[in-house]
Amino acid sequence: MGVEFGETKVLVHVQVMIGRRYVFAPNGRITLEKQFTPNIANYPLQIVVFNISTFDTFHSVFRDVESVFPKGCACFTLTNPYYGSQGIVSMSVLLFLFKNA
């Protein structure tokens, strides 16, 4: 059993996309970065689909930190020593800084 795709002349080295994450800059800018597996897989060129358009129902565009973490929402820390600890947003740091400047 399997898929017949003819003679293989070219192998493509691929890192599979596993998701995305938002990166927050100190100036308040939010960037969406793609996340890939660290290992590389090989695929025959003739089974690779190019320029495929996809519909992503989970893709959201955020303009600022307040829209990502509104007051009262749950969040988790990804830094040590409290990695994985849950918190509740009480106020935005950027909002706090601007109001007290």
Protein backbone atom coordinates (compact mmCIF):
# COMPACT_ATOMS: atom_id res chain seq x y z
CA MET A 1 0.00 0.00 0.00
CA GLY A 2 1.07 3.55 -0.54
CA VAL A 3 1.04 6.35 -3.06
CA GLU A 4 2.79 5.99 -6.40
CA PHE A 5 4.29 9.27 -7.55
CA GLY A 6 6.73 8.18 -10.21
CA GLU A 7 10.49 8.45 -10.36
CA THR A 8 12.03 10.69 -7.71
CA LYS A 9 14.73 12.99 -9.05
CA VAL A 10 14.55 15.78 -6.47
CA LEU A 11 14.01 15.64 -2.69
CA VAL A 12 12.83 18.73 -0.85
CA HIS A 13 14.09 19.33 2.70
CA VAL A 14 11.13 20.61 4.75
CA GLN A 15 10.54 21.95 8.22
CA VAL A 16 6.88 21.43 9.07
CA MET A 17 5.01 24.44 10.43
CA ILE A 18 3.52 23.56 13.82
CA GLY A 19 1.91 26.87 14.71
CA ARG A 20 2.37 30.55 15.34
CA ARG A 21 3.10 32.75 18.31
CA TYR A 22 2.84 36.43 19.07
CA VAL A 23 6.07 38.25 19.97
CA PHE A 24 5.81 41.48 21.95
CA ALA A 25 8.42 44.20 21.48
CA PRO A 26 9.23 46.68 24.28
CA ASN A 27 7.69 49.51 22.20
CA GLY A 28 4.31 47.71 22.16
CA ARG A 29 4.61 46.31 18.64
CA ILE A 30 3.14 42.83 18.15
CA THR A 31 4.56 40.46 15.53
CA LEU A 32 3.14 37.08 14.49
CA GLU A 33 5.95 34.55 13.99
CA LYS A 34 5.61 31.11 12.41
CA GLN A 35 6.88 28.18 14.47
CA PHE A 36 8.52 25.17 12.78
CA THR A 37 9.65 21.75 13.94
CA PRO A 38 13.38 21.57 14.65
CA ASN A 39 13.83 18.42 12.59
CA ILE A 40 13.96 18.32 8.79
CA ALA A 41 11.89 15.89 6.72
CA ASN A 42 12.49 14.90 3.09
CA TYR A 43 9.71 14.76 0.50
CA PRO A 44 9.71 14.09 -3.26
CA LEU A 45 9.27 17.36 -5.16
CA GLN A 46 6.32 16.05 -7.16
CA ILE A 47 4.12 15.63 -4.04
CA VAL A 48 4.74 19.14 -2.68
CA VAL A 49 1.83 21.58 -3.11
CA PHE A 50 2.95 25.14 -3.91
CA ASN A 51 1.08 28.43 -3.34
CA ILE A 52 -1.86 26.81 -1.60
CA SER A 53 -4.40 29.23 -0.21
CA THR A 54 -5.79 28.32 3.17
CA PHE A 55 -8.53 29.61 5.38
CA ASP A 56 -7.51 30.06 8.99
CA THR A 57 -10.45 30.51 11.35
CA PHE A 58 -8.15 31.03 14.34
CA HIS A 59 -6.04 33.83 12.84
CA SER A 60 -6.60 37.13 14.64
CA VAL A 61 -4.90 40.45 14.09
CA PHE A 62 -4.07 42.33 17.27
CA ARG A 63 -3.15 46.00 17.29
CA ASP A 64 -1.96 46.34 20.88
CA VAL A 65 -1.30 44.44 24.10
CA GLU A 66 -4.69 45.41 25.55
CA SER A 67 -6.52 43.61 22.73
CA VAL A 68 -4.48 40.42 23.32
CA PHE A 69 -4.79 40.48 27.10
CA PRO A 70 -7.96 42.34 28.11
CA LYS A 71 -8.57 42.99 31.80
CA GLY A 72 -9.83 39.84 33.55
CA CYS A 73 -8.52 37.26 31.07
CA ALA A 74 -6.36 34.30 32.10
CA CYS A 75 -2.72 34.21 31.01
CA PHE A 76 0.31 32.01 31.61
CA THR A 77 3.98 32.87 32.09
CA LEU A 78 6.55 31.21 29.85
CA THR A 79 9.65 32.30 31.76
CA ASN A 80 11.50 30.82 34.72
CA PRO A 81 11.13 30.40 37.65
CA TYR A 82 7.32 30.51 37.31
CA TYR A 83 6.95 28.75 33.93
CA GLY A 84 3.34 27.64 33.39
CA SER A 85 1.90 29.64 36.28
CA GLN A 86 -1.54 31.10 35.62
CA GLY A 87 -2.40 34.72 36.24
CA ILE A 88 -5.33 37.06 35.69
CA VAL A 89 -4.78 40.36 33.87
CA SER A 90 -5.53 43.30 36.14
CA MET A 91 -4.17 46.09 33.92
CA SER A 92 -1.89 46.60 30.93
CA VAL A 93 1.67 47.59 31.72
CA LEU A 94 1.79 49.90 28.68
CA LEU A 95 -1.45 51.56 29.75
CA PHE A 96 -0.05 51.95 33.26
CA LEU A 97 3.20 53.48 31.95
CA PHE A 98 1.41 55.98 29.70
CA LYS A 99 -1.04 57.08 32.39
CA ASN A 100 1.77 57.64 34.93
CA ALA A 101 4.27 59.34 32.59
